[in-house]
Amino acid sequence: MDKRKSINEIKRLITVDPNQELLRELASDDRKGVQNLLAQYRKHELNKQAALEAFKKRFSYERAFWQEGKQLVCGIDEVGRGPLAGPVVAAAVILPHDFGLVEVNDSKQLTKKTRERLYSQIIEQALGVSIGLCDNYEIDTVNIYQAARIAMLKAVNGLSRKPQQLIIDAMNIDSSIEQLKLIKADSKSVSVAAASIVAKVWRDHLMSFYDNLYPEYDFKSNDGYGTKKHLDALNVYGITPLHRRSFEPIKSKF
């Protein structure tokens, strides 16, 4: 009688308690199903290690500033430059030195479900989180680039703890705090990546709220961007108080 563990039992054990004794036992098991499970486990472990190393690399700027004595390093990012409606939203996030959410990366590389989960965890674990925004009226007054800078400054000024160093995605702001302007910072700095997630999810929630007020424009799905359904609604119903009058095709048509 074969006293070896069943495939289902091995599958459970390799997920729950993959100790070295079990792995040695599996390595000597000639069943194809067992070898497939072992190969899947090893691949998973390699991917997990690669993700951890990439995460550590994305923390290199923060670690360098911490070593200089700047213990409170703030990442800043914004979202919402391109939409036809709604505000531009910026987030400022200060992370603790032992922050360990390996999945935190540029929000554009994550699924909506992952962003939502990480959003709550970032809010819970961060030393400081602040949101700044400029609405469509401010955008129309000063232009979208300046509105993004203003929103970022509002986010920084709203922090309960004043940071000693700012890391900003491709911009600088009118602040006396030392700042590093970093191209594609949301994929190079964990703090900026966290800010990109917070800003994205916060704005998505806001646009879903606006969808209740103006359901014809489908804001919950397009976040204010010029999708076909959104443009069709503009042609039928006109603009709302949320629309940016300085943006095309609104500027020419309305």
C-alpha atoms as a PDB file:
ATOM      1  CA  MET A   1       0.000   0.000   0.000  1.00  0.00           C
ATOM      2  CA  ASP A   2       1.308   3.434  -0.984  1.00  0.00           C
ATOM      3  CA  LYS A   3       1.884   5.372   2.238  1.00  0.00           C
ATOM      4  CA  ARG A   4       2.917   8.534   0.430  1.00  0.00           C
ATOM      5  CA  LYS A   5       0.865  11.677   0.932  1.00  0.00           C
ATOM      6  CA  SER A   6      -1.930  12.318  -1.524  1.00  0.00           C
ATOM      7  CA  ILE A   7      -1.610  15.073  -4.122  1.00  0.00           C
ATOM      8  CA  ASN A   8      -4.373  17.065  -2.411  1.00  0.00           C
ATOM      9  CA  GLU A   9      -2.647  16.763   0.961  1.00  0.00           C
ATOM     10  CA  ILE A  10       0.666  17.860  -0.541  1.00  0.00           C
ATOM     11  CA  LYS A  11      -1.054  20.809  -2.210  1.00  0.00           C
ATOM     12  CA  ARG A  12      -2.409  21.891   1.159  1.00  0.00           C
ATOM     13  CA  LEU A  13       0.896  21.400   2.994  1.00  0.00           C
ATOM     14  CA  ILE A  14       3.014  23.195   0.405  1.00  0.00           C
ATOM     15  CA  THR A  15       0.671  26.174   0.708  1.00  0.00           C
ATOM     16  CA  VAL A  16       0.399  26.207   4.512  1.00  0.00           C
ATOM     17  CA  ASP A  17       3.709  24.810   5.797  1.00  0.00           C
ATOM     18  CA  PRO A  18       6.382  24.335   3.114  1.00  0.00           C
ATOM     19  CA  ASN A  19       9.211  23.360   5.518  1.00  0.00           C
ATOM     20  CA  GLN A  20      12.548  21.953   4.331  1.00  0.00           C
ATOM     21  CA  GLU A  21      11.706  18.393   5.368  1.00  0.00           C
ATOM     22  CA  LEU A  22       8.568  18.466   3.223  1.00  0.00           C
ATOM     23  CA  LEU A  23      10.453  19.944   0.259  1.00  0.00           C
ATOM     24  CA  ARG A  24      13.124  17.201   0.468  1.00  0.00           C
ATOM     25  CA  GLU A  25      10.384  14.586   0.602  1.00  0.00           C
ATOM     26  CA  LEU A  26       8.693  16.045  -2.461  1.00  0.00           C
ATOM     27  CA  ALA A  27      11.967  16.252  -4.373  1.00  0.00           C
ATOM     28  CA  SER A  28      12.355  12.478  -4.083  1.00  0.00           C
ATOM     29  CA  ASP A  29       8.740  11.764  -5.021  1.00  0.00           C
ATOM     30  CA  ASP A  30       8.638  10.648  -8.647  1.00  0.00           C
ATOM     31  CA  ARG A  31       4.945  11.339  -9.217  1.00  0.00           C
ATOM     32  CA  LYS A  32       4.414  13.849 -11.998  1.00  0.00           C
ATOM     33  CA  GLY A  33       1.701  15.704 -10.040  1.00  0.00           C
ATOM     34  CA  VAL A  34       4.041  16.141  -7.087  1.00  0.00           C
ATOM     35  CA  GLN A  35       6.861  17.424  -9.284  1.00  0.00           C
ATOM     36  CA  ASN A  36       4.471  19.891 -10.916  1.00  0.00           C
ATOM     37  CA  LEU A  37       3.434  21.207  -7.490  1.00  0.00           C
ATOM     38  CA  LEU A  38       7.078  21.513  -6.453  1.00  0.00           C
ATOM     39  CA  ALA A  39       7.942  23.385  -9.649  1.00  0.00           C
ATOM     40  CA  GLN A  40       5.012  25.753  -9.108  1.00  0.00           C
ATOM     41  CA  TYR A  41       6.141  26.370  -5.529  1.00  0.00           C
ATOM     42  CA  ARG A  42       9.721  27.124  -6.557  1.00  0.00           C
ATOM     43  CA  LYS A  43       8.550  29.498  -9.295  1.00  0.00           C
ATOM     44  CA  HIS A  44       6.278  31.265  -6.811  1.00  0.00           C
ATOM     45  CA  GLU A  45       9.165  31.648  -4.356  1.00  0.00           C
ATOM     46  CA  LEU A  46      11.437  33.068  -7.067  1.00  0.00           C
ATOM     47  CA  ASN A  47       8.760  35.579  -8.094  1.00  0.00           C
ATOM     48  CA  LYS A  48       8.196  36.537  -4.474  1.00  0.00           C
ATOM     49  CA  GLN A  49      11.925  37.094  -3.934  1.00  0.00           C
ATOM     50  CA  ALA A  50      12.169  39.163  -7.133  1.00  0.00           C
ATOM     51  CA  ALA A  51       9.219  41.305  -6.002  1.00  0.00           C
ATOM     52  CA  LEU A  52      10.865  41.845  -2.619  1.00  0.00           C
ATOM     53  CA  GLU A  53      14.161  42.897  -4.209  1.00  0.00           C
ATOM     54  CA  ALA A  54      12.338  45.313  -6.536  1.00  0.00           C
ATOM     55  CA  PHE A  55      10.480  46.738  -3.545  1.00  0.00           C
ATOM     56  CA  LYS A  56      13.738  47.289  -1.666  1.00  0.00           C
ATOM     57  CA  LYS A  57      15.161  49.050  -4.717  1.00  0.00           C
ATOM     58  CA  ARG A  58      12.120  51.375  -4.799  1.00  0.00           C
ATOM     59  CA  PHE A  59      12.959  52.330  -1.219  1.00  0.00           C
ATOM     60  CA  SER A  60      16.526  53.416  -2.092  1.00  0.00           C
ATOM     61  CA  TYR A  61      15.774  57.157  -2.252  1.00  0.00           C
ATOM     62  CA  GLU A  62      13.980  57.104   1.092  1.00  0.00           C
ATOM     63  CA  ARG A  63      16.794  55.146   2.747  1.00  0.00           C
ATOM     64  CA  ALA A  64      19.380  57.613   1.436  1.00  0.00           C
ATOM     65  CA  PHE A  65      17.455  60.540   2.929  1.00  0.00           C
ATOM     66  CA  TRP A  66      16.956  58.704   6.232  1.00  0.00           C
ATOM     67  CA  GLN A  67      20.712  58.141   6.436  1.00  0.00           C
ATOM     68  CA  GLU A  68      21.160  61.895   6.009  1.00  0.00           C
ATOM     69  CA  GLY A  69      19.007  62.374   9.104  1.00  0.00           C
ATOM     70  CA  LYS A  70      15.781  63.253   7.292  1.00  0.00           C
ATOM     71  CA  GLN A  71      13.433  60.870   9.061  1.00  0.00           C
ATOM     72  CA  LEU A  72      10.190  62.173   7.555  1.00  0.00           C
ATOM     73  CA  VAL A  73      10.309  61.717   3.779  1.00  0.00           C
ATOM     74  CA  CYS A  74       7.148  62.536   1.845  1.00  0.00           C
ATOM     75  CA  GLY A  75       6.143  61.146  -1.529  1.00  0.00           C
ATOM     76  CA  ILE A  76       3.790  63.241  -3.670  1.00  0.00           C
ATOM     77  CA  ASP A  77       1.832  62.387  -6.780  1.00  0.00           C
ATOM     78  CA  GLU A  78      -1.260  63.620  -8.579  1.00  0.00           C
ATOM     79  CA  VAL A  79      -3.976  62.199 -10.793  1.00  0.00           C
ATOM     80  CA  GLY A  80      -6.586  63.717 -13.069  1.00  0.00           C
ATOM     81  CA  ARG A  81      -4.730  65.938 -15.518  1.00  0.00           C
ATOM     82  CA  GLY A  82      -6.418  64.518 -18.603  1.00  0.00           C
ATOM     83  CA  PRO A  83     -10.155  64.242 -17.793  1.00  0.00           C
ATOM     84  CA  LEU A  84     -12.772  66.629 -19.132  1.00  0.00           C
ATOM     85  CA  ALA A  85     -14.495  66.826 -15.745  1.00  0.00           C
ATOM     86  CA  GLY A  86     -13.674  66.812 -12.063  1.00  0.00           C
ATOM     87  CA  PRO A  87     -10.675  68.040 -10.090  1.00  0.00           C
ATOM     88  CA  VAL A  88      -6.995  67.248 -10.246  1.00  0.00           C
ATOM     89  CA  VAL A  89      -6.146  65.422  -7.010  1.00  0.00           C
ATOM     90  CA  ALA A  90      -2.782  65.144  -5.268  1.00  0.00           C
ATOM     91  CA  ALA A  91      -1.741  62.983  -2.332  1.00  0.00           C
ATOM     92  CA  ALA A  92       1.186  63.409   0.052  1.00  0.00           C
ATOM     93  CA  VAL A  93       2.272  60.325   1.995  1.00  0.00           C
ATOM     94  CA  ILE A  94       4.923  59.820   4.689  1.00  0.00           C
ATOM     95  CA  LEU A  95       5.749  56.144   5.231  1.00  0.00           C
ATOM     96  CA  PRO A  96       7.303  54.517   8.301  1.00  0.00           C
ATOM     97  CA  HIS A  97      10.795  53.071   7.949  1.00  0.00           C
ATOM     98  CA  ASP A  98       9.492  49.526   8.441  1.00  0.00           C
ATOM     99  CA  PHE A  99       6.782  49.801   5.775  1.00  0.00           C
ATOM    100  CA  GLY A 100       6.503  46.414   4.106  1.00  0.00           C
ATOM    101  CA  LEU A 101       3.652  46.353   1.591  1.00  0.00           C
ATOM    102  CA  VAL A 102       5.673  44.865  -1.259  1.00  0.00           C
ATOM    103  CA  GLU A 103       2.865  45.295  -3.791  1.00  0.00           C
ATOM    104  CA  VAL A 104       2.921  49.099  -3.520  1.00  0.00           C
ATOM    105  CA  ASN A 105       3.977  50.333  -6.939  1.00  0.00           C
ATOM    106  CA  ASP A 106       2.890  52.811  -9.604  1.00  0.00           C
ATOM    107  CA  SER A 107      -0.925  52.798  -9.395  1.00  0.00           C
ATOM    108  CA  LYS A 108      -1.187  52.435 -13.185  1.00  0.00           C
ATOM    109  CA  GLN A 109       0.441  48.992 -12.930  1.00  0.00           C
ATOM    110  CA  LEU A 110      -2.117  47.697 -10.428  1.00  0.00           C
ATOM    111  CA  THR A 111      -5.650  46.412 -10.811  1.00  0.00           C
ATOM    112  CA  LYS A 112      -8.540  48.358  -9.336  1.00  0.00           C
ATOM    113  CA  LYS A 113      -9.095  45.627  -6.739  1.00  0.00           C
ATOM    114  CA  THR A 114      -5.437  45.729  -5.658  1.00  0.00           C
ATOM    115  CA  ARG A 115      -5.429  49.540  -5.486  1.00  0.00           C
ATOM    116  CA  GLU A 116      -8.513  49.523  -3.276  1.00  0.00           C
ATOM    117  CA  ARG A 117      -6.966  47.011  -0.877  1.00  0.00           C
ATOM    118  CA  LEU A 118      -3.619  48.812  -0.706  1.00  0.00           C
ATOM    119  CA  TYR A 119      -5.341  52.186  -0.276  1.00  0.00           C
ATOM    120  CA  SER A 120      -6.817  51.121   3.064  1.00  0.00           C
ATOM    121  CA  GLN A 121      -3.546  49.559   4.210  1.00  0.00           C
ATOM    122  CA  ILE A 122      -1.508  52.642   3.277  1.00  0.00           C
ATOM    123  CA  ILE A 123      -3.913  54.930   5.127  1.00  0.00           C
ATOM    124  CA  GLU A 124      -3.667  52.684   8.195  1.00  0.00           C
ATOM    125  CA  GLN A 125       0.116  52.337   8.227  1.00  0.00           C
ATOM    126  CA  ALA A 126       1.374  55.718   7.005  1.00  0.00           C
ATOM    127  CA  LEU A 127       2.790  58.305   9.405  1.00  0.00           C
ATOM    128  CA  GLY A 128       0.957  60.983   7.454  1.00  0.00           C
ATOM    129  CA  VAL A 129      -1.490  61.184   4.551  1.00  0.00           C
ATOM    130  CA  SER A 130      -3.008  64.320   3.045  1.00  0.00           C
ATOM    131  CA  ILE A 131      -5.105  65.128  -0.006  1.00  0.00           C
ATOM    132  CA  GLY A 132      -5.015  68.369  -2.006  1.00  0.00           C
ATOM    133  CA  LEU A 133      -7.159  69.233  -4.986  1.00  0.00           C
ATOM    134  CA  CYS A 134      -7.919  71.928  -7.499  1.00  0.00           C
ATOM    135  CA  ASP A 135     -11.401  71.905  -8.954  1.00  0.00           C
ATOM    136  CA  ASN A 136     -12.329  72.510 -12.571  1.00  0.00           C
ATOM    137  CA  TYR A 137     -12.791  76.249 -11.985  1.00  0.00           C
ATOM    138  CA  GLU A 138      -9.218  76.592 -10.694  1.00  0.00           C
ATOM    139  CA  ILE A 139      -7.970  74.450 -13.581  1.00  0.00           C
ATOM    140  CA  ASP A 140      -9.699  76.744 -16.075  1.00  0.00           C
ATOM    141  CA  THR A 141      -8.213  79.789 -14.342  1.00  0.00           C
ATOM    142  CA  VAL A 142      -4.550  78.818 -13.987  1.00  0.00           C
ATOM    143  CA  ASN A 143      -4.159  75.862 -16.471  1.00  0.00           C
ATOM    144  CA  ILE A 144      -3.841  72.194 -15.619  1.00  0.00           C
ATOM    145  CA  TYR A 145      -0.082  72.174 -15.010  1.00  0.00           C
ATOM    146  CA  GLN A 146      -0.232  74.946 -12.430  1.00  0.00           C
ATOM    147  CA  ALA A 147      -3.362  73.419 -10.890  1.00  0.00           C
ATOM    148  CA  ALA A 148      -1.482  70.150 -10.377  1.00  0.00           C
ATOM    149  CA  ARG A 149       1.356  72.021  -8.629  1.00  0.00           C
ATOM    150  CA  ILE A 150      -1.132  73.876  -6.409  1.00  0.00           C
ATOM    151  CA  ALA A 151      -2.903  70.627  -5.513  1.00  0.00           C
ATOM    152  CA  MET A 152       0.434  69.072  -4.543  1.00  0.00           C
ATOM    153  CA  LEU A 153       1.304  72.040  -2.338  1.00  0.00           C
ATOM    154  CA  LYS A 154      -2.105  71.840  -0.658  1.00  0.00           C
ATOM    155  CA  ALA A 155      -1.488  68.165   0.053  1.00  0.00           C
ATOM    156  CA  VAL A 156       1.903  68.854   1.647  1.00  0.00           C
ATOM    157  CA  ASN A 157       0.572  71.765   3.707  1.00  0.00           C
ATOM    158  CA  GLY A 158      -2.264  69.567   4.942  1.00  0.00           C
ATOM    159  CA  LEU A 159       0.041  67.025   6.589  1.00  0.00           C
ATOM    160  CA  SER A 160      -0.107  66.912  10.389  1.00  0.00           C
ATOM    161  CA  ARG A 161       3.670  66.324  10.510  1.00  0.00           C
ATOM    162  CA  LYS A 162       5.977  68.526   8.468  1.00  0.00           C
ATOM    163  CA  PRO A 163       8.246  66.427   6.231  1.00  0.00           C
ATOM    164  CA  GLN A 164      11.962  67.093   5.943  1.00  0.00           C
ATOM    165  CA  GLN A 165      12.223  65.951   2.332  1.00  0.00           C
ATOM    166  CA  LEU A 166       9.824  65.748  -0.605  1.00  0.00           C
ATOM    167  CA  ILE A 167       9.999  63.324  -3.518  1.00  0.00           C
ATOM    168  CA  ILE A 168       7.791  64.497  -6.380  1.00  0.00           C
ATOM    169  CA  ASP A 169       6.860  62.899  -9.671  1.00  0.00           C
ATOM    170  CA  ALA A 170       8.397  65.052 -12.422  1.00  0.00           C
ATOM    171  CA  MET A 171       7.521  68.428 -10.857  1.00  0.00           C
ATOM    172  CA  ASN A 172       8.497  70.892  -8.180  1.00  0.00           C
ATOM    173  CA  ILE A 173       6.259  73.000  -5.981  1.00  0.00           C
ATOM    174  CA  ASP A 174       6.478  76.351  -4.197  1.00  0.00           C
ATOM    175  CA  SER A 175       7.614  74.963  -0.852  1.00  0.00           C
ATOM    176  CA  SER A 176      10.616  75.724   1.315  1.00  0.00           C
ATOM    177  CA  ILE A 177      11.007  72.018   2.053  1.00  0.00           C
ATOM    178  CA  GLU A 178      13.832  70.376   0.127  1.00  0.00           C
ATOM    179  CA  GLN A 179      12.490  68.414  -2.825  1.00  0.00           C
ATOM    180  CA  LEU A 180      13.686  65.842  -5.317  1.00  0.00           C
ATOM    181  CA  LYS A 181      12.095  66.067  -8.755  1.00  0.00           C
ATOM    182  CA  LEU A 182      12.167  62.506 -10.036  1.00  0.00           C
ATOM    183  CA  ILE A 183      11.030  61.384 -13.502  1.00  0.00           C
ATOM    184  CA  LYS A 184       8.627  58.414 -13.242  1.00  0.00           C
ATOM    185  CA  ALA A 185       8.931  58.650  -9.484  1.00  0.00           C
ATOM    186  CA  ASP A 186       5.825  56.517  -8.945  1.00  0.00           C
ATOM    187  CA  SER A 187       7.774  53.502 -10.218  1.00  0.00           C
ATOM    188  CA  LYS A 188      11.067  54.454  -8.512  1.00  0.00           C
ATOM    189  CA  SER A 189       9.965  55.520  -5.023  1.00  0.00           C
ATOM    190  CA  VAL A 190       7.678  53.569  -2.690  1.00  0.00           C
ATOM    191  CA  SER A 191       6.498  56.802  -1.050  1.00  0.00           C
ATOM    192  CA  VAL A 192       5.467  58.302  -4.387  1.00  0.00           C
ATOM    193  CA  ALA A 193       3.890  54.998  -5.435  1.00  0.00           C
ATOM    194  CA  ALA A 194       1.838  55.043  -2.231  1.00  0.00           C
ATOM    195  CA  ALA A 195       0.797  58.625  -2.984  1.00  0.00           C
ATOM    196  CA  SER A 196      -0.192  57.623  -6.528  1.00  0.00           C
ATOM    197  CA  ILE A 197      -2.452  54.880  -5.157  1.00  0.00           C
ATOM    198  CA  VAL A 198      -4.062  57.155  -2.557  1.00  0.00           C
ATOM    199  CA  ALA A 199      -4.657  59.952  -5.081  1.00  0.00           C
ATOM    200  CA  LYS A 200      -6.078  57.564  -7.696  1.00  0.00           C
ATOM    201  CA  VAL A 201      -8.471  55.735  -5.373  1.00  0.00           C
ATOM    202  CA  TRP A 202      -9.577  58.939  -3.631  1.00  0.00           C
ATOM    203  CA  ARG A 203     -10.396  60.574  -6.958  1.00  0.00           C
ATOM    204  CA  ASP A 204     -12.147  57.435  -8.240  1.00  0.00           C
ATOM    205  CA  HIS A 205     -14.383  57.486  -5.160  1.00  0.00           C
ATOM    206  CA  LEU A 206     -15.156  61.156  -5.729  1.00  0.00           C
ATOM    207  CA  MET A 207     -16.068  60.586  -9.374  1.00  0.00           C
ATOM    208  CA  SER A 208     -18.331  57.698  -8.350  1.00  0.00           C
ATOM    209  CA  PHE A 209     -20.116  60.122  -6.018  1.00  0.00           C
ATOM    210  CA  TYR A 210     -20.472  62.598  -8.883  1.00  0.00           C
ATOM    211  CA  ASP A 211     -21.915  59.779 -10.971  1.00  0.00           C
ATOM    212  CA  ASN A 212     -24.899  59.749  -8.590  1.00  0.00           C
ATOM    213  CA  LEU A 213     -25.467  63.428  -9.324  1.00  0.00           C
ATOM    214  CA  TYR A 214     -24.964  63.198 -13.087  1.00  0.00           C
ATOM    215  CA  PRO A 215     -25.573  59.545 -14.081  1.00  0.00           C
ATOM    216  CA  GLU A 216     -25.866  60.337 -17.803  1.00  0.00           C
ATOM    217  CA  TYR A 217     -22.112  60.979 -18.065  1.00  0.00           C
ATOM    218  CA  ASP A 218     -20.978  57.613 -16.640  1.00  0.00           C
ATOM    219  CA  PHE A 219     -18.393  59.196 -14.330  1.00  0.00           C
ATOM    220  CA  LYS A 220     -18.149  56.017 -12.240  1.00  0.00           C
ATOM    221  CA  SER A 221     -16.661  54.211 -15.239  1.00  0.00           C
ATOM    222  CA  ASN A 222     -14.722  56.932 -17.066  1.00  0.00           C
ATOM    223  CA  ASP A 223     -13.552  59.098 -14.117  1.00  0.00           C
ATOM    224  CA  GLY A 224     -14.281  62.157 -16.238  1.00  0.00           C
ATOM    225  CA  TYR A 225     -12.224  61.120 -19.257  1.00  0.00           C
ATOM    226  CA  GLY A 226     -13.639  61.679 -22.727  1.00  0.00           C
ATOM    227  CA  THR A 227     -15.056  58.260 -23.500  1.00  0.00           C
ATOM    228  CA  LYS A 228     -17.675  57.832 -26.223  1.00  0.00           C
ATOM    229  CA  LYS A 229     -20.494  57.606 -23.671  1.00  0.00           C
ATOM    230  CA  HIS A 230     -19.247  60.771 -21.969  1.00  0.00           C
ATOM    231  CA  LEU A 231     -18.943  62.685 -25.248  1.00  0.00           C
ATOM    232  CA  ASP A 232     -22.362  61.500 -26.370  1.00  0.00           C
ATOM    233  CA  ALA A 233     -23.844  62.753 -23.083  1.00  0.00           C
ATOM    234  CA  LEU A 234     -22.170  66.127 -23.606  1.00  0.00           C
ATOM    235  CA  ASN A 235     -23.798  66.414 -27.013  1.00  0.00           C
ATOM    236  CA  VAL A 236     -27.231  65.551 -25.612  1.00  0.00           C
ATOM    237  CA  TYR A 237     -27.234  67.171 -22.173  1.00  0.00           C
ATOM    238  CA  GLY A 238     -24.488  69.806 -22.374  1.00  0.00           C
ATOM    239  CA  ILE A 239     -21.913  70.497 -19.686  1.00  0.00           C
ATOM    240  CA  THR A 240     -22.239  70.164 -15.919  1.00  0.00           C
ATOM    241  CA  PRO A 241     -20.715  72.371 -13.203  1.00  0.00           C
ATOM    242  CA  LEU A 242     -17.914  69.778 -13.047  1.00  0.00           C
ATOM    243  CA  HIS A 243     -16.682  70.198 -16.621  1.00  0.00           C
ATOM    244  CA  ARG A 244     -13.474  71.970 -17.570  1.00  0.00           C
ATOM    245  CA  ARG A 245     -14.402  74.719 -20.009  1.00  0.00           C
ATOM    246  CA  SER A 246     -10.797  75.216 -21.105  1.00  0.00           C
ATOM    247  CA  PHE A 247     -10.529  71.626 -22.380  1.00  0.00           C
ATOM    248  CA  GLU A 248     -11.407  70.484 -25.881  1.00  0.00           C
ATOM    249  CA  PRO A 249     -13.941  69.635 -27.221  1.00  0.00           C
ATOM    250  CA  ILE A 250     -15.803  71.568 -24.511  1.00  0.00           C
ATOM    251  CA  LYS A 251     -13.921  74.802 -25.231  1.00  0.00           C
ATOM    252  CA  SER A 252     -15.001  74.844 -28.880  1.00  0.00           C
ATOM    253  CA  LYS A 253     -18.545  73.510 -28.494  1.00  0.00           C
ATOM    254  CA  PHE A 254     -19.765  75.185 -25.334  1.00  0.00           C
END
